[in-house]
Amino acid sequence: MRKAKVLYQNKWAGTLTEDEEGYHFQYEETYLENKNVPVSLTLPLQQEPYHSNILFPFFDGLIPEGWILEIVEKNWKVNEKDRMGVLLVACRDCIGAVSIEPHA
């Protein structure tokens, strides 16, 4: 199982998890209590976790493409088909409000 912290404007918004059943995204309770905005229009604020067999399109869209993805593959030795792996190493400092950090 791999986990990632999903940050929105440097606030911990939720946790993205990959396990043998697929992908799960759950908003943090404090993020919900403070009435923050959703990280994506496709992931509205809710207490229940989201589940998917594939990486949620919003998170997949954060992954770089082209020559930048080639650099990620070469420098971090991550296969581009390992979408969660690429997300964890390449999306700490994304353009925009959302960033991804490894979660212990």
Protein backbone atom coordinates (compact mmCIF):
# COMPACT_ATOMS: atom_id res chain seq x y z
CA MET A 1 0.00 0.00 0.00
CA ARG A 2 1.21 3.49 -0.85
CA LYS A 3 -0.15 6.74 0.52
CA ALA A 4 0.15 10.38 -0.45
CA LYS A 5 -0.79 13.58 1.29
CA VAL A 6 -2.80 15.83 -0.98
CA LEU A 7 -2.17 19.49 -0.21
CA TYR A 8 -4.30 22.38 -1.38
CA GLN A 9 -2.57 25.75 -1.00
CA ASN A 10 -0.18 24.05 1.45
CA LYS A 11 -3.05 22.78 3.62
CA TRP A 12 -3.43 19.03 4.10
CA ALA A 13 -6.67 18.42 2.21
CA GLY A 14 -6.78 14.64 2.07
CA THR A 15 -5.05 11.31 1.63
CA LEU A 16 -4.70 9.36 -1.59
CA THR A 17 -4.11 5.64 -1.11
CA GLU A 18 -3.23 2.88 -3.57
CA ASP A 19 -3.79 -0.73 -2.51
CA GLU A 20 -4.73 -4.07 -4.06
CA GLU A 21 -8.34 -2.87 -4.47
CA GLY A 22 -7.42 0.29 -6.40
CA TYR A 23 -7.29 3.93 -5.37
CA HIS A 24 -9.00 5.77 -2.54
CA PHE A 25 -9.19 9.46 -1.72
CA GLN A 26 -10.42 10.73 1.64
CA TYR A 27 -10.67 14.35 2.73
CA GLU A 28 -9.12 15.18 6.11
CA GLU A 29 -11.66 15.92 8.82
CA THR A 30 -10.10 19.30 9.70
CA TYR A 31 -10.12 20.30 6.02
CA LEU A 32 -13.85 19.54 5.85
CA GLU A 33 -14.59 21.31 9.15
CA ASN A 34 -12.92 24.53 7.96
CA LYS A 35 -15.18 24.63 4.88
CA ASN A 36 -12.30 24.74 2.41
CA VAL A 37 -12.79 24.31 -1.33
CA PRO A 38 -12.56 20.88 -2.96
CA VAL A 39 -9.25 19.92 -4.55
CA SER A 40 -11.16 19.27 -7.78
CA LEU A 41 -14.69 19.75 -9.10
CA THR A 42 -14.66 15.99 -9.77
CA LEU A 43 -14.02 15.33 -6.06
CA PRO A 44 -16.58 17.44 -4.18
CA LEU A 45 -16.20 17.78 -0.43
CA GLN A 46 -17.67 14.79 1.40
CA GLN A 47 -16.91 12.70 4.47
CA GLU A 48 -17.07 9.36 2.66
CA PRO A 49 -13.97 8.20 0.78
CA TYR A 50 -13.86 8.06 -3.01
CA HIS A 51 -12.89 4.75 -4.66
CA SER A 52 -11.64 3.97 -8.16
CA ASN A 53 -9.99 1.06 -9.99
CA ILE A 54 -7.72 3.52 -11.82
CA LEU A 55 -5.90 6.61 -10.60
CA PHE A 56 -8.48 9.39 -10.38
CA PRO A 57 -8.28 11.47 -13.59
CA PHE A 58 -7.67 14.65 -11.61
CA PHE A 59 -4.52 13.22 -9.99
CA ASP A 60 -3.39 11.59 -13.24
CA GLY A 61 -3.64 15.02 -14.87
CA LEU A 62 -1.03 16.38 -12.44
CA ILE A 63 1.60 13.99 -13.82
CA PRO A 64 4.03 15.63 -16.26
CA GLU A 65 4.18 14.56 -19.90
CA GLY A 66 6.72 14.43 -22.69
CA TRP A 67 10.36 15.24 -22.03
CA ILE A 68 9.68 16.14 -18.39
CA LEU A 69 8.21 12.66 -17.81
CA GLU A 70 11.31 11.19 -19.47
CA ILE A 71 13.49 13.09 -16.98
CA VAL A 72 11.39 11.75 -14.10
CA GLU A 73 11.78 8.19 -15.41
CA LYS A 74 15.53 8.55 -15.87
CA ASN A 75 16.39 10.41 -12.66
CA TRP A 76 14.04 8.65 -10.23
CA LYS A 77 13.94 5.27 -12.01
CA VAL A 78 10.14 5.22 -12.07
CA ASN A 79 8.24 3.52 -14.86
CA GLU A 80 5.73 5.90 -16.48
CA LYS A 81 3.05 3.19 -16.15
CA ASP A 82 3.46 3.33 -12.35
CA ARG A 83 1.18 6.35 -12.09
CA MET A 84 1.18 6.49 -8.28
CA GLY A 85 4.98 6.23 -8.26
CA VAL A 86 5.33 9.08 -10.74
CA LEU A 87 2.79 11.15 -8.80
CA LEU A 88 4.78 10.66 -5.58
CA VAL A 89 8.12 11.75 -7.02
CA ALA A 90 7.13 14.38 -9.57
CA CYS A 91 4.17 16.25 -8.09
CA ARG A 92 5.52 17.83 -4.92
CA ASP A 93 5.70 21.22 -6.60
CA CYS A 94 2.99 21.28 -9.27
CA ILE A 95 1.78 24.33 -11.12
CA GLY A 96 -1.39 25.38 -9.36
CA ALA A 97 -2.80 24.96 -5.89
CA VAL A 98 -2.46 21.17 -5.47
CA SER A 99 0.71 19.30 -4.54
CA ILE A 100 1.41 15.72 -3.51
CA GLU A 101 3.75 14.48 -0.78
CA PRO A 102 4.57 10.95 0.32
CA HIS A 103 2.64 9.97 3.45
CA ALA A 104 4.34 7.79 6.06
